Amino acid sequence: MKFFRLSFIAAGILAMAACSKYPSGSSRLLEDLAVLTQVDVNTNFGQYKTYSIVDSVYYINGGDSSMILTPNARLVLNQIIGNMKARGFQKVAKSAKPDFGINVAAIKTTTVTYYYPGWYWGYPGYYSPGWWGYGSGYYYPYYPTYYSSYSSGTLIMEMVNFKAITPSGQVPVVWNAFIRGLLTNTHTTTDVTNSIDQAFIQTPAIKTSLK
């Protein structure tokens, strides 16, 4: 059995969100940021060097979905790129057959949200393995995260390993990060970038040993 590591800011908030319903008049949760990360501890990130990242953010708002490249979306993508560079990874085009691929999705909600990795794949246009040119689906080598919360928005970052595709053609997801609260319109761009940085800080294993 493979295990995963959980790290998060505002642990109490996420713990309560997993088992409690908040009154409609409560606004405290909407004002807080929470960062949760998962990593496949059996993946040796040090032996990989290259990655590619999607060229826009997959945005879900209720029943609608679209690809966006707004200034805020560019900010998110560039902050991820900066963190990957700081960890020694080299960004390449997806046609260059990178070791890793990074998907990014933003979800806007105003009610209780139940989330588990992969549910948004059913929306048209999400970056499927076929978009990357690999595999028949995604595969999580660890238990997925389930939680519910009153939230105005969640940013999801997901890293897949193209060098460890299963015999059935599934692409393993080796890291994901969830940042809740980024779409509340109460947080600055610094809050956004700091939260992305925190997601990487919580997963020091994401670092290459290759030069």
N, C-alpha and C. Protein backbone atom coordinates (compact mmCIF):
# COMPACT_ATOMS: atom_id res chain seq x y z
N MET A 1 0.84 -1.19 0.00
CA MET A 1 0.00 0.00 0.00
C MET A 1 0.88 1.24 0.00
N LYS A 2 0.53 2.21 -0.81
CA LYS A 2 1.27 3.46 -0.85
C LYS A 2 0.58 4.49 0.02
N PHE A 3 1.38 5.36 0.60
CA PHE A 3 0.83 6.36 1.50
C PHE A 3 1.10 7.76 0.94
N PHE A 4 0.40 8.73 1.47
CA PHE A 4 0.62 10.11 1.06
C PHE A 4 0.81 10.97 2.29
N ARG A 5 1.41 12.12 2.06
CA ARG A 5 1.67 13.07 3.13
C ARG A 5 0.69 14.22 3.02
N LEU A 6 0.08 14.61 4.12
CA LEU A 6 -0.81 15.74 4.14
C LEU A 6 -0.17 16.87 4.93
N SER A 7 -0.17 18.06 4.35
CA SER A 7 0.30 19.25 5.05
C SER A 7 -0.67 20.36 4.73
N PHE A 8 -0.96 21.23 5.70
CA PHE A 8 -1.87 22.31 5.38
C PHE A 8 -1.76 23.46 6.37
N ILE A 9 -2.17 24.62 5.87
CA ILE A 9 -2.32 25.79 6.71
C ILE A 9 -3.75 25.79 7.23
N ALA A 10 -3.98 26.35 8.38
CA ALA A 10 -5.32 26.43 8.96
C ALA A 10 -5.94 25.05 9.05
N ALA A 11 -5.24 24.14 9.70
CA ALA A 11 -5.68 22.75 9.79
C ALA A 11 -7.06 22.66 10.43
N GLY A 12 -7.30 23.49 11.40
CA GLY A 12 -8.60 23.45 12.07
C GLY A 12 -9.74 23.76 11.14
N ILE A 13 -9.50 24.67 10.21
CA ILE A 13 -10.55 25.05 9.27
C ILE A 13 -10.92 23.87 8.39
N LEU A 14 -9.90 23.20 7.84
CA LEU A 14 -10.17 22.06 6.97
C LEU A 14 -10.80 20.92 7.75
N ALA A 15 -10.36 20.71 8.98
CA ALA A 15 -10.93 19.63 9.77
C ALA A 15 -12.40 19.87 10.03
N MET A 16 -12.75 21.10 10.36
CA MET A 16 -14.15 21.42 10.59
C MET A 16 -14.95 21.32 9.31
N ALA A 17 -14.33 21.75 8.19
CA ALA A 17 -15.02 21.72 6.92
C ALA A 17 -15.36 20.31 6.50
N ALA A 18 -14.61 19.34 6.98
CA ALA A 18 -14.82 17.97 6.56
C ALA A 18 -16.02 17.35 7.25
N CYS A 19 -16.50 17.96 8.34
CA CYS A 19 -17.57 17.29 9.08
C CYS A 19 -18.65 18.24 9.55
N SER A 20 -18.55 19.53 9.22
CA SER A 20 -19.51 20.49 9.76
C SER A 20 -20.17 21.29 8.66
N LYS A 21 -21.36 21.76 8.94
CA LYS A 21 -22.05 22.68 8.04
C LYS A 21 -22.09 24.04 8.71
N TYR A 22 -21.75 25.06 7.94
CA TYR A 22 -21.68 26.39 8.51
C TYR A 22 -22.99 27.13 8.25
N PRO A 23 -23.43 27.94 9.20
CA PRO A 23 -24.66 28.71 8.99
C PRO A 23 -24.48 29.68 7.85
N SER A 24 -25.58 29.99 7.16
CA SER A 24 -25.50 30.83 5.97
C SER A 24 -24.95 32.21 6.28
N GLY A 25 -25.08 32.66 7.52
CA GLY A 25 -24.59 33.98 7.88
C GLY A 25 -23.12 34.02 8.21
N SER A 26 -22.47 32.88 8.22
CA SER A 26 -21.06 32.84 8.61
C SER A 26 -20.19 33.29 7.46
N SER A 27 -19.27 34.22 7.73
CA SER A 27 -18.37 34.70 6.68
C SER A 27 -16.91 34.41 7.00
N ARG A 28 -16.65 33.85 8.18
CA ARG A 28 -15.25 33.67 8.59
C ARG A 28 -14.50 32.76 7.63
N LEU A 29 -15.13 31.64 7.23
CA LEU A 29 -14.45 30.69 6.37
C LEU A 29 -14.10 31.32 5.03
N LEU A 30 -14.95 32.24 4.57
CA LEU A 30 -14.71 32.87 3.28
C LEU A 30 -13.51 33.80 3.35
N GLU A 31 -13.12 34.23 4.55
CA GLU A 31 -12.02 35.16 4.69
C GLU A 31 -10.68 34.45 4.87
N ASP A 32 -10.70 33.15 5.07
CA ASP A 32 -9.49 32.40 5.37
C ASP A 32 -8.95 31.67 4.15
N LEU A 33 -7.65 31.53 4.10
CA LEU A 33 -6.99 30.74 3.07
C LEU A 33 -6.53 29.44 3.68
N ALA A 34 -6.67 28.36 2.95
CA ALA A 34 -6.18 27.07 3.42
C ALA A 34 -5.44 26.41 2.27
N VAL A 35 -4.29 25.83 2.56
CA VAL A 35 -3.47 25.16 1.54
C VAL A 35 -3.27 23.71 1.96
N LEU A 36 -3.68 22.79 1.12
CA LEU A 36 -3.52 21.37 1.39
C LEU A 36 -2.76 20.74 0.24
N THR A 37 -1.77 19.91 0.56
CA THR A 37 -0.99 19.25 -0.48
C THR A 37 -0.92 17.76 -0.24
N GLN A 38 -0.80 17.02 -1.33
CA GLN A 38 -0.59 15.57 -1.30
C GLN A 38 0.56 15.23 -2.23
N VAL A 39 1.38 14.26 -1.84
CA VAL A 39 2.48 13.85 -2.69
C VAL A 39 2.64 12.34 -2.59
N ASP A 40 2.98 11.71 -3.69
CA ASP A 40 3.27 10.28 -3.69
C ASP A 40 4.68 10.11 -3.14
N VAL A 41 4.79 9.58 -1.93
CA VAL A 41 6.09 9.48 -1.28
C VAL A 41 7.00 8.44 -1.94
N ASN A 42 6.45 7.64 -2.84
CA ASN A 42 7.26 6.65 -3.54
C ASN A 42 7.86 7.18 -4.84
N THR A 43 7.55 8.41 -5.17
CA THR A 43 8.13 9.03 -6.37
C THR A 43 9.43 9.74 -5.99
N ASN A 44 10.49 9.41 -6.67
CA ASN A 44 11.79 10.06 -6.47
C ASN A 44 11.89 11.22 -7.46
N PHE A 45 11.47 12.40 -7.03
CA PHE A 45 11.47 13.56 -7.91
C PHE A 45 12.88 13.92 -8.37
N GLY A 46 13.87 13.55 -7.57
CA GLY A 46 15.24 13.91 -7.89
C GLY A 46 15.76 13.33 -9.20
N GLN A 47 15.14 12.25 -9.68
CA GLN A 47 15.64 11.61 -10.89
C GLN A 47 15.00 12.17 -12.16
N TYR A 48 14.17 13.20 -12.00
CA TYR A 48 13.50 13.81 -13.15
C TYR A 48 13.99 15.25 -13.32
N LYS A 49 13.85 15.76 -14.52
CA LYS A 49 14.39 17.09 -14.81
C LYS A 49 13.40 18.03 -15.50
N THR A 50 12.63 17.53 -16.45
CA THR A 50 11.82 18.41 -17.29
C THR A 50 10.34 18.35 -16.95
N TYR A 51 9.64 19.42 -17.29
CA TYR A 51 8.20 19.46 -17.09
C TYR A 51 7.58 20.39 -18.11
N SER A 52 6.30 20.23 -18.31
CA SER A 52 5.52 21.16 -19.13
C SER A 52 4.29 21.55 -18.33
N ILE A 53 3.79 22.74 -18.58
CA ILE A 53 2.62 23.23 -17.85
C ILE A 53 1.57 23.67 -18.85
N VAL A 54 0.31 23.55 -18.50
CA VAL A 54 -0.78 23.95 -19.39
C VAL A 54 -0.65 25.43 -19.73
N ASP A 55 -1.20 25.82 -20.86
CA ASP A 55 -1.04 27.20 -21.32
C ASP A 55 -2.17 28.11 -20.88
N SER A 56 -3.14 27.59 -20.13
CA SER A 56 -4.22 28.40 -19.58
C SER A 56 -4.82 27.66 -18.40
N VAL A 57 -5.59 28.36 -17.60
CA VAL A 57 -6.20 27.77 -16.41
C VAL A 57 -7.60 27.29 -16.75
N TYR A 58 -7.92 26.06 -16.36
CA TYR A 58 -9.25 25.52 -16.58
C TYR A 58 -10.17 26.08 -15.50
N TYR A 59 -11.20 26.83 -15.91
CA TYR A 59 -12.05 27.54 -14.97
C TYR A 59 -13.46 26.97 -14.97
N ILE A 60 -13.95 26.61 -13.78
CA ILE A 60 -15.29 26.06 -13.62
C ILE A 60 -16.09 27.00 -12.74
N ASN A 61 -17.24 27.43 -13.24
CA ASN A 61 -18.13 28.32 -12.50
C ASN A 61 -19.53 27.74 -12.59
N GLY A 62 -19.94 27.02 -11.54
CA GLY A 62 -21.23 26.36 -11.59
C GLY A 62 -21.21 25.27 -12.65
N GLY A 63 -22.15 25.34 -13.59
CA GLY A 63 -22.22 24.34 -14.65
C GLY A 63 -21.42 24.72 -15.87
N ASP A 64 -20.77 25.88 -15.84
CA ASP A 64 -20.01 26.35 -17.00
C ASP A 64 -18.52 26.12 -16.79
N SER A 65 -17.82 25.93 -17.88
CA SER A 65 -16.37 25.76 -17.80
C SER A 65 -15.73 26.37 -19.02
N SER A 66 -14.50 26.83 -18.86
CA SER A 66 -13.77 27.45 -19.97
C SER A 66 -12.29 27.47 -19.64
N MET A 67 -11.48 27.73 -20.67
CA MET A 67 -10.05 27.95 -20.49
C MET A 67 -9.83 29.45 -20.40
N ILE A 68 -9.09 29.92 -19.41
CA ILE A 68 -8.88 31.35 -19.27
C ILE A 68 -7.38 31.66 -19.18
N LEU A 69 -7.02 32.82 -19.71
CA LEU A 69 -5.66 33.31 -19.60
C LEU A 69 -5.72 34.80 -19.26
N THR A 70 -6.42 35.10 -18.18
CA THR A 70 -6.53 36.45 -17.68
C THR A 70 -5.23 36.82 -16.97
N PRO A 71 -5.05 38.09 -16.60
CA PRO A 71 -3.85 38.45 -15.84
C PRO A 71 -3.68 37.61 -14.57
N ASN A 72 -4.78 37.32 -13.87
CA ASN A 72 -4.68 36.50 -12.67
C ASN A 72 -4.28 35.07 -13.00
N ALA A 73 -4.79 34.55 -14.11
CA ALA A 73 -4.42 33.20 -14.53
C ALA A 73 -2.95 33.15 -14.89
N ARG A 74 -2.47 34.16 -15.59
CA ARG A 74 -1.03 34.23 -15.93
C ARG A 74 -0.18 34.30 -14.65
N LEU A 75 -0.68 35.05 -13.67
CA LEU A 75 0.03 35.17 -12.40
C LEU A 75 0.20 33.79 -11.76
N VAL A 76 -0.87 33.02 -11.75
CA VAL A 76 -0.82 31.68 -11.18
C VAL A 76 0.17 30.80 -11.91
N LEU A 77 0.07 30.78 -13.24
CA LEU A 77 0.97 29.93 -14.03
C LEU A 77 2.42 30.35 -13.86
N ASN A 78 2.67 31.65 -13.88
CA ASN A 78 4.05 32.13 -13.73
C ASN A 78 4.62 31.83 -12.35
N GLN A 79 3.77 31.86 -11.32
CA GLN A 79 4.26 31.56 -9.97
C GLN A 79 4.63 30.09 -9.84
N ILE A 80 3.86 29.23 -10.48
CA ILE A 80 4.19 27.81 -10.49
C ILE A 80 5.49 27.59 -11.24
N ILE A 81 5.63 28.24 -12.38
CA ILE A 81 6.86 28.12 -13.19
C ILE A 81 8.07 28.58 -12.38
N GLY A 82 7.91 29.68 -11.65
CA GLY A 82 9.02 30.18 -10.84
C GLY A 82 9.42 29.20 -9.75
N ASN A 83 8.45 28.56 -9.14
CA ASN A 83 8.75 27.59 -8.10
C ASN A 83 9.42 26.35 -8.67
N MET A 84 8.97 25.90 -9.83
CA MET A 84 9.60 24.74 -10.46
C MET A 84 11.04 25.06 -10.86
N LYS A 85 11.28 26.26 -11.34
CA LYS A 85 12.64 26.67 -11.70
C LYS A 85 13.53 26.69 -10.47
N ALA A 86 12.98 27.21 -9.36
CA ALA A 86 13.76 27.27 -8.12
C ALA A 86 14.11 25.88 -7.61
N ARG A 87 13.30 24.88 -7.97
CA ARG A 87 13.58 23.50 -7.56
C ARG A 87 14.48 22.78 -8.55
N GLY A 88 14.93 23.51 -9.58
CA GLY A 88 15.88 22.95 -10.54
C GLY A 88 15.29 22.33 -11.78
N PHE A 89 13.97 22.41 -11.95
CA PHE A 89 13.33 21.79 -13.10
C PHE A 89 13.36 22.70 -14.33
N GLN A 90 13.40 22.09 -15.48
CA GLN A 90 13.46 22.82 -16.74
C GLN A 90 12.12 22.72 -17.46
N LYS A 91 11.55 23.86 -17.80
CA LYS A 91 10.27 23.90 -18.52
C LYS A 91 10.52 23.66 -20.01
N VAL A 92 9.76 22.74 -20.58
CA VAL A 92 9.86 22.43 -22.00
C VAL A 92 8.45 22.36 -22.60
N ALA A 93 8.38 22.34 -23.91
CA ALA A 93 7.10 22.19 -24.58
C ALA A 93 6.58 20.77 -24.38
N LYS A 94 5.27 20.61 -24.43
CA LYS A 94 4.74 19.26 -24.22
C LYS A 94 5.16 18.32 -25.35
N SER A 95 5.47 18.88 -26.51
CA SER A 95 5.94 18.05 -27.63
C SER A 95 7.34 17.49 -27.39
N ALA A 96 8.04 18.02 -26.39
CA ALA A 96 9.39 17.56 -26.07
C ALA A 96 9.38 16.36 -25.13
N LYS A 97 8.20 15.79 -24.89
CA LYS A 97 8.06 14.61 -24.03
C LYS A 97 8.65 14.85 -22.63
N PRO A 98 8.09 15.79 -21.88
CA PRO A 98 8.61 16.11 -20.55
C PRO A 98 8.40 14.96 -19.57
N ASP A 99 9.16 15.01 -18.47
CA ASP A 99 8.98 14.02 -17.41
C ASP A 99 7.64 14.23 -16.69
N PHE A 100 7.35 15.48 -16.38
CA PHE A 100 6.12 15.81 -15.66
C PHE A 100 5.24 16.74 -16.47
N GLY A 101 3.96 16.73 -16.16
CA GLY A 101 3.02 17.69 -16.71
C GLY A 101 2.25 18.30 -15.55
N ILE A 102 1.94 19.60 -15.64
CA ILE A 102 1.22 20.27 -14.56
C ILE A 102 -0.10 20.81 -15.09
N ASN A 103 -1.19 20.37 -14.49
CA ASN A 103 -2.53 20.87 -14.79
C ASN A 103 -2.94 21.89 -13.73
N VAL A 104 -3.74 22.87 -14.12
CA VAL A 104 -4.20 23.88 -13.18
C VAL A 104 -5.69 24.14 -13.43
N ALA A 105 -6.47 24.12 -12.36
CA ALA A 105 -7.90 24.40 -12.49
C ALA A 105 -8.34 25.32 -11.37
N ALA A 106 -9.29 26.19 -11.66
CA ALA A 106 -9.88 27.08 -10.66
C ALA A 106 -11.38 26.81 -10.64
N ILE A 107 -11.93 26.66 -9.45
CA ILE A 107 -13.35 26.34 -9.31
C ILE A 107 -14.01 27.40 -8.44
N LYS A 108 -15.06 28.00 -8.94
CA LYS A 108 -15.80 29.00 -8.17
C LYS A 108 -17.10 28.38 -7.67
N THR A 109 -17.30 28.44 -6.36
CA THR A 109 -18.51 27.90 -5.76
C THR A 109 -19.01 28.83 -4.68
N THR A 110 -20.29 28.72 -4.37
CA THR A 110 -20.87 29.54 -3.29
C THR A 110 -21.65 28.69 -2.31
N THR A 111 -21.60 27.37 -2.47
CA THR A 111 -22.29 26.47 -1.56
C THR A 111 -21.31 25.42 -1.07
N VAL A 112 -21.82 24.44 -0.35
CA VAL A 112 -20.95 23.38 0.14
C VAL A 112 -20.37 22.62 -1.05
N THR A 113 -19.08 22.38 -1.04
CA THR A 113 -18.40 21.70 -2.12
C THR A 113 -17.82 20.39 -1.62
N TYR A 114 -18.14 19.31 -2.30
CA TYR A 114 -17.51 18.03 -2.03
C TYR A 114 -16.53 17.77 -3.14
N TYR A 115 -15.29 17.59 -2.80
CA TYR A 115 -14.25 17.46 -3.83
C TYR A 115 -13.46 16.18 -3.66
N TYR A 116 -13.18 15.53 -4.75
CA TYR A 116 -12.20 14.47 -4.75
C TYR A 116 -11.46 14.57 -6.08
N PRO A 117 -10.17 14.25 -6.10
CA PRO A 117 -9.39 14.44 -7.32
C PRO A 117 -10.03 13.75 -8.52
N GLY A 118 -10.15 14.50 -9.58
CA GLY A 118 -10.63 13.91 -10.82
C GLY A 118 -12.05 14.24 -11.19
N TRP A 119 -12.85 14.82 -10.25
CA TRP A 119 -14.25 15.01 -10.60
C TRP A 119 -14.45 15.99 -11.74
N TYR A 120 -13.53 16.95 -11.87
CA TYR A 120 -13.70 17.98 -12.90
C TYR A 120 -13.27 17.50 -14.27
N TRP A 121 -12.75 16.24 -14.37
CA TRP A 121 -12.36 15.74 -15.68
C TRP A 121 -13.55 15.61 -16.63
N GLY A 122 -14.74 15.47 -16.05
CA GLY A 122 -15.91 15.29 -16.89
C GLY A 122 -16.33 16.55 -17.61
N TYR A 123 -15.79 17.69 -17.21
CA TYR A 123 -16.15 18.93 -17.87
C TYR A 123 -15.46 19.02 -19.23
N PRO A 124 -16.16 19.54 -20.23
CA PRO A 124 -15.55 19.65 -21.58
C PRO A 124 -14.30 20.52 -21.55
N GLY A 125 -13.25 20.05 -22.18
CA GLY A 125 -12.07 20.87 -22.35
C GLY A 125 -10.99 20.69 -21.32
N TYR A 126 -11.26 19.95 -20.23
CA TYR A 126 -10.20 19.78 -19.23
C TYR A 126 -9.01 19.08 -19.86
N TYR A 127 -7.83 19.38 -19.34
CA TYR A 127 -6.60 18.84 -19.92
C TYR A 127 -6.48 17.35 -19.61
N SER A 128 -7.00 16.54 -20.49
CA SER A 128 -6.96 15.09 -20.31
C SER A 128 -5.60 14.54 -20.71
N PRO A 129 -5.31 13.28 -20.38
CA PRO A 129 -4.05 12.68 -20.84
C PRO A 129 -3.89 12.76 -22.35
N GLY A 130 -5.02 12.70 -23.06
CA GLY A 130 -4.94 12.81 -24.52
C GLY A 130 -4.42 14.15 -24.98
N TRP A 131 -4.73 15.21 -24.22
CA TRP A 131 -4.23 16.55 -24.58
C TRP A 131 -2.71 16.57 -24.49
N TRP A 132 -2.19 15.85 -23.49
CA TRP A 132 -0.74 15.79 -23.32
C TRP A 132 -0.09 14.84 -24.32
N GLY A 133 -0.91 13.96 -24.92
CA GLY A 133 -0.36 12.99 -25.86
C GLY A 133 0.00 11.68 -25.20
N TYR A 134 -0.56 11.46 -23.99
CA TYR A 134 -0.23 10.25 -23.24
C TYR A 134 -1.50 9.60 -22.70
N GLY A 135 -1.43 8.29 -22.53
CA GLY A 135 -2.32 7.55 -21.64
C GLY A 135 -3.81 7.60 -21.93
N SER A 136 -4.54 6.84 -21.11
CA SER A 136 -5.98 6.73 -21.27
C SER A 136 -6.74 7.34 -20.10
N GLY A 137 -6.03 7.75 -19.07
CA GLY A 137 -6.68 8.33 -17.90
C GLY A 137 -5.63 8.66 -16.85
N TYR A 138 -6.08 9.24 -15.74
CA TYR A 138 -5.17 9.54 -14.64
C TYR A 138 -5.28 8.47 -13.56
N TYR A 139 -4.22 8.33 -12.82
CA TYR A 139 -4.18 7.31 -11.77
C TYR A 139 -3.54 7.92 -10.52
N TYR A 140 -4.23 7.76 -9.37
CA TYR A 140 -3.71 8.27 -8.11
C TYR A 140 -3.10 7.13 -7.30
N PRO A 141 -1.79 7.15 -7.07
CA PRO A 141 -1.16 6.09 -6.29
C PRO A 141 -1.31 6.30 -4.78
N TYR A 142 -2.26 7.15 -4.39
CA TYR A 142 -2.54 7.37 -2.98
C TYR A 142 -4.02 7.64 -2.84
N TYR A 143 -4.50 7.64 -1.61
CA TYR A 143 -5.91 7.89 -1.38
C TYR A 143 -6.25 9.34 -1.72
N PRO A 144 -7.34 9.57 -2.42
CA PRO A 144 -7.72 10.95 -2.75
C PRO A 144 -8.22 11.70 -1.54
N THR A 145 -8.29 13.02 -1.66
CA THR A 145 -8.77 13.88 -0.58
C THR A 145 -10.26 14.15 -0.76
N TYR A 146 -10.99 14.07 0.33
CA TYR A 146 -12.41 14.42 0.32
C TYR A 146 -12.62 15.50 1.37
N TYR A 147 -13.29 16.56 1.01
CA TYR A 147 -13.65 17.54 2.03
C TYR A 147 -14.82 18.36 1.53
N SER A 148 -15.51 18.98 2.45
CA SER A 148 -16.62 19.86 2.08
C SER A 148 -16.43 21.17 2.79
N SER A 149 -16.80 22.25 2.15
CA SER A 149 -16.63 23.55 2.80
C SER A 149 -17.47 24.61 2.12
N TYR A 150 -17.82 25.63 2.90
CA TYR A 150 -18.39 26.82 2.30
C TYR A 150 -17.23 27.62 1.75
N SER A 151 -17.21 27.81 0.47
CA SER A 151 -16.05 28.44 -0.15
C SER A 151 -16.46 29.16 -1.40
N SER A 152 -15.78 30.26 -1.69
CA SER A 152 -16.03 30.97 -2.93
C SER A 152 -15.10 30.50 -4.04
N GLY A 153 -14.06 29.78 -3.70
CA GLY A 153 -13.18 29.34 -4.77
C GLY A 153 -12.07 28.43 -4.31
N THR A 154 -11.64 27.58 -5.23
CA THR A 154 -10.54 26.66 -4.95
C THR A 154 -9.64 26.60 -6.18
N LEU A 155 -8.35 26.71 -5.94
CA LEU A 155 -7.37 26.54 -7.01
C LEU A 155 -6.74 25.16 -6.84
N ILE A 156 -6.68 24.41 -7.92
CA ILE A 156 -6.13 23.05 -7.88
C ILE A 156 -4.93 22.97 -8.82
N MET A 157 -3.81 22.49 -8.29
CA MET A 157 -2.62 22.24 -9.08
C MET A 157 -2.33 20.74 -9.02
N GLU A 158 -1.98 20.18 -10.15
CA GLU A 158 -1.83 18.73 -10.23
C GLU A 158 -0.63 18.38 -11.11
N MET A 159 0.27 17.53 -10.59
CA MET A 159 1.45 17.12 -11.35
C MET A 159 1.34 15.64 -11.71
N VAL A 160 1.53 15.34 -12.99
CA VAL A 160 1.45 13.95 -13.45
C VAL A 160 2.82 13.50 -13.95
N ASN A 161 3.08 12.21 -13.82
CA ASN A 161 4.38 11.64 -14.18
C ASN A 161 4.24 10.84 -15.47
N PHE A 162 4.80 11.39 -16.55
CA PHE A 162 4.70 10.73 -17.85
C PHE A 162 5.69 9.57 -18.00
N LYS A 163 6.61 9.47 -17.07
CA LYS A 163 7.61 8.40 -17.15
C LYS A 163 7.19 7.17 -16.34
N ALA A 164 6.01 7.20 -15.77
CA ALA A 164 5.56 6.08 -14.95
C ALA A 164 4.14 5.66 -15.33
N ILE A 165 3.82 5.72 -16.61
CA ILE A 165 2.49 5.33 -17.07
C ILE A 165 2.27 3.85 -16.81
N THR A 166 1.09 3.51 -16.31
CA THR A 166 0.78 2.14 -15.96
C THR A 166 0.59 1.30 -17.23
N PRO A 167 0.65 -0.02 -17.11
CA PRO A 167 0.43 -0.89 -18.29
C PRO A 167 -0.91 -0.65 -18.97
N SER A 168 -1.90 -0.20 -18.20
CA SER A 168 -3.22 0.07 -18.78
C SER A 168 -3.30 1.44 -19.43
N GLY A 169 -2.20 2.22 -19.37
CA GLY A 169 -2.16 3.52 -20.03
C GLY A 169 -2.55 4.68 -19.16
N GLN A 170 -2.71 4.48 -17.85
CA GLN A 170 -3.06 5.58 -16.96
C GLN A 170 -1.82 6.35 -16.54
N VAL A 171 -1.97 7.67 -16.43
CA VAL A 171 -0.87 8.54 -16.05
C VAL A 171 -0.94 8.82 -14.55
N PRO A 172 0.09 8.47 -13.78
CA PRO A 172 0.04 8.68 -12.33
C PRO A 172 0.07 10.17 -11.96
N VAL A 173 -0.78 10.55 -11.03
CA VAL A 173 -0.75 11.89 -10.44
C VAL A 173 0.12 11.80 -9.20
N VAL A 174 1.26 12.48 -9.20
CA VAL A 174 2.23 12.32 -8.11
C VAL A 174 2.19 13.47 -7.10
N TRP A 175 1.48 14.53 -7.43
CA TRP A 175 1.37 15.65 -6.49
C TRP A 175 0.15 16.46 -6.84
N ASN A 176 -0.56 16.90 -5.83
CA ASN A 176 -1.59 17.91 -6.06
C ASN A 176 -1.71 18.83 -4.87
N ALA A 177 -2.18 20.03 -5.16
CA ALA A 177 -2.32 21.06 -4.14
C ALA A 177 -3.67 21.73 -4.31
N PHE A 178 -4.30 22.04 -3.19
CA PHE A 178 -5.60 22.68 -3.19
C PHE A 178 -5.51 23.94 -2.35
N ILE A 179 -5.84 25.07 -2.94
CA ILE A 179 -5.81 26.34 -2.23
C ILE A 179 -7.24 26.87 -2.20
N ARG A 180 -7.83 26.87 -1.04
CA ARG A 180 -9.22 27.28 -0.91
C ARG A 180 -9.33 28.73 -0.48
N GLY A 181 -10.17 29.48 -1.18
CA GLY A 181 -10.45 30.84 -0.78
C GLY A 181 -9.87 31.90 -1.70
N LEU A 182 -9.23 31.50 -2.81
CA LEU A 182 -8.56 32.48 -3.66
C LEU A 182 -9.53 33.31 -4.49
N LEU A 183 -10.79 32.89 -4.60
CA LEU A 183 -11.73 33.61 -5.44
C LEU A 183 -12.76 34.40 -4.63
N THR A 184 -12.41 34.76 -3.41
CA THR A 184 -13.35 35.46 -2.55
C THR A 184 -13.37 36.97 -2.79
N ASN A 185 -12.45 37.45 -3.61
CA ASN A 185 -12.33 38.89 -3.87
C ASN A 185 -11.89 39.67 -2.63
N THR A 186 -11.37 38.96 -1.63
CA THR A 186 -10.89 39.64 -0.42
C THR A 186 -9.38 39.48 -0.27
N HIS A 187 -8.74 38.77 -1.20
CA HIS A 187 -7.32 38.50 -1.09
C HIS A 187 -6.53 39.21 -2.18
N THR A 188 -5.34 39.63 -1.85
CA THR A 188 -4.50 40.34 -2.78
C THR A 188 -3.72 39.36 -3.67
N THR A 189 -3.06 39.90 -4.69
CA THR A 189 -2.23 39.05 -5.54
C THR A 189 -1.07 38.45 -4.74
N THR A 190 -0.63 39.17 -3.73
CA THR A 190 0.42 38.64 -2.85
C THR A 190 -0.07 37.41 -2.09
N ASP A 191 -1.33 37.45 -1.65
CA ASP A 191 -1.92 36.28 -0.99
C ASP A 191 -1.92 35.08 -1.93
N VAL A 192 -2.25 35.34 -3.19
CA VAL A 192 -2.30 34.27 -4.19
C VAL A 192 -0.91 33.66 -4.38
N THR A 193 0.07 34.51 -4.63
CA THR A 193 1.42 33.99 -4.89
C THR A 193 2.01 33.34 -3.65
N ASN A 194 1.74 33.90 -2.48
CA ASN A 194 2.25 33.29 -1.24
C ASN A 194 1.64 31.92 -1.01
N SER A 195 0.39 31.75 -1.36
CA SER A 195 -0.27 30.46 -1.18
C SER A 195 0.31 29.41 -2.12
N ILE A 196 0.61 29.81 -3.34
CA ILE A 196 1.24 28.88 -4.28
C ILE A 196 2.63 28.51 -3.77
N ASP A 197 3.37 29.51 -3.30
CA ASP A 197 4.69 29.23 -2.71
C ASP A 197 4.57 28.26 -1.54
N GLN A 198 3.54 28.46 -0.70
CA GLN A 198 3.35 27.61 0.46
C GLN A 198 3.09 26.16 0.05
N ALA A 199 2.37 25.98 -1.04
CA ALA A 199 2.10 24.62 -1.52
C ALA A 199 3.40 23.91 -1.87
N PHE A 200 4.35 24.63 -2.43
CA PHE A 200 5.65 24.03 -2.74
C PHE A 200 6.49 23.85 -1.48
N ILE A 201 6.40 24.80 -0.56
CA ILE A 201 7.14 24.68 0.70
C ILE A 201 6.70 23.41 1.44
N GLN A 202 5.42 23.12 1.37
CA GLN A 202 4.88 21.95 2.06
C GLN A 202 5.31 20.63 1.42
N THR A 203 5.87 20.70 0.23
CA THR A 203 6.31 19.47 -0.45
C THR A 203 7.77 19.63 -0.89
N PRO A 204 8.71 19.58 0.05
CA PRO A 204 10.13 19.74 -0.29
C PRO A 204 10.65 18.62 -1.17
N ALA A 205 9.91 17.51 -1.27
CA ALA A 205 10.35 16.40 -2.11
C ALA A 205 10.42 16.79 -3.59
N ILE A 206 9.66 17.82 -3.97
CA ILE A 206 9.67 18.25 -5.37
C ILE A 206 10.92 19.06 -5.63
N LYS A 207 11.99 18.36 -5.96
CA LYS A 207 13.28 18.98 -6.24
C LYS A 207 14.13 18.00 -7.03
N THR A 208 14.71 18.47 -8.13
CA THR A 208 15.52 17.58 -8.95
C THR A 208 16.97 17.54 -8.47
N SER A 209 17.58 16.39 -8.68
CA SER A 209 19.00 16.24 -8.37
C SER A 209 19.86 16.30 -9.63
N LEU A 210 19.20 16.43 -10.77
CA LEU A 210 19.89 16.44 -12.05
C LEU A 210 20.32 17.84 -12.42
N LYS A 211 21.45 17.95 -13.07
CA LYS A 211 21.97 19.24 -13.52
C LYS A 211 21.72 19.43 -15.01
